[in-house]
Amino acid sequence: MIKLSSGINFFESYDMTHLSGSAKKQPVVMQIIPELGAGGAEQGCLDVAAELVRSGAKSIVVSAGGSRVHELARAGATHITLPVHSKNPYVMWRNIGRLKALMEKYDVDIVHARSRAPAWSAYKACQGTKVKFMTTCHAPYNISGEAKRFYNSSIIKGERVIAISEYVAQYLREQYAVDPNIIRVIHRGIALEKFHPTAVVPTHLISLSSAWRIPDGAPIVMMPGRLTRWKGHTVLIEAMEKLNRPDVFCVMIGSDQGRHEYRAELEQLITDKGLEGRVRIIDHCSDMPTAYMLSTVVVSASTDPEGFGRVPVEAQAMGRPVIATDHGGARETIIRGETGWLIPPSDPQALADALRDALALTPQQRAVLATRGMNHIATHFTRERMTDETLNVYAELMNEKYAMISPVSARRNLKHAAE
């Protein structure tokens, strides 16, 4: 049922009658995530949930709810609402019993926690049971003291710990001395049927350009990302001033999520730099592939390293030139000088220089860069690769739980059966 990266179903060769008293034991995987809204962690959870169903396993997601719960039902997965988003110690303690009851009810084999607070509850719930426990670390969490270090440590309690980049894996090894043998680096992946130039409807380009009030043919610098200070919006605004190109428009897409003072600060900076009308903040865009296609250059100006960073990956998949800061996950997703630019963080002049170079590309140069970028993403950062590698980790744990045969033997037996 759970498949290896070769695409062969992992459990088809196993007779599990002795475990359940029935024909076969269906693998049951329960993912736990605070909420199901926008975000890379949430997208990965949904993608894996759907792939589990396709692979014949029972897929359960526990969260506090959110705007994307309906996607689980559409995929055939089960959603259970619990307050696993809470960091309140009393609620976290109560969640231990709630999760343990769910594990027993659904005969769960693997619990996969995707955030620190629910990881504590899940870790405690799994203790004293045969349920395998694993985690995913999405970022190099801030360590501001011993209390914070202890709170963060829930994410390293798994029998396997998925790191979404080599950068995050290095953080786990250096800051928490995690055994490298239990870390699995699995980069996030995107859906190429969505993030591909041919998927964009031309009329959508016209509509979006009109909504953004961009003159026909004007170069567009685009920066997606919620309005929070470390995303580097001020760096881009200052770079636009230094670029000094009245014909170039800049669109920053992202909600302030209640950070009204920061948005007002950005609006004031735009005014102070004399960039009114040429730098715009767009609250939300529901059609990001079209937004990428409308852009001339895509920027990710994070001042702090990101664990992975979806923007550079999505931009390359769409064949757009991308400029990102030279730290964190971006170093693993951009091929320097071939698929994009990597610049020092918090450096408006370096960003302005990179923008100038990107805007000066000839049509032929843009085509070459687009081909390299699209091929790079299609090879290394697809949804299919990410879900395959995640299901491989589940297969490792299932194999350990039931002490059957080695994964190598499983591959050999299944290959023979397929032939």
Foldseek 3Di string as FASTA:
>chain_A
DLDFLVRFQLCPVDQCCVPPVDRHDAAEEEEEDAEQEDDQLNVLLLLLQLVSVVSRHAYEYEYQYYDCPVSNVVSVHHYDHANQNDPPPVSLCVLLVVVLVVCVVVVHAEYEYEDQSVLVSPLSNCPPHLHAYAYEDFWLDDDPDPVVLVSNCSQLSGQAYEFQAVLRVVSCCPVVVRDPVRYDHFHAFAALCQLEQVNDDVVVLVVVCVVLVQPPPFAEEEEEDAQDVQQCLVLQLLLVLVLPDPSYAYEYEHANVPVVVSVVVSVVSCVVSVNPPRYYYHHHDPRVSSVLVNHQEYERQGQDAGSADCRLLSNLLHLHEYEYEPDHNVVVLDDDPQQYHHHHHPHSNRVNVRVVVSVPDDPVRSVRNSVVSNVSSVVRHHSSSNSSSVSVSVSVSVCVSVVDDDPVVSVVVSVVVVD
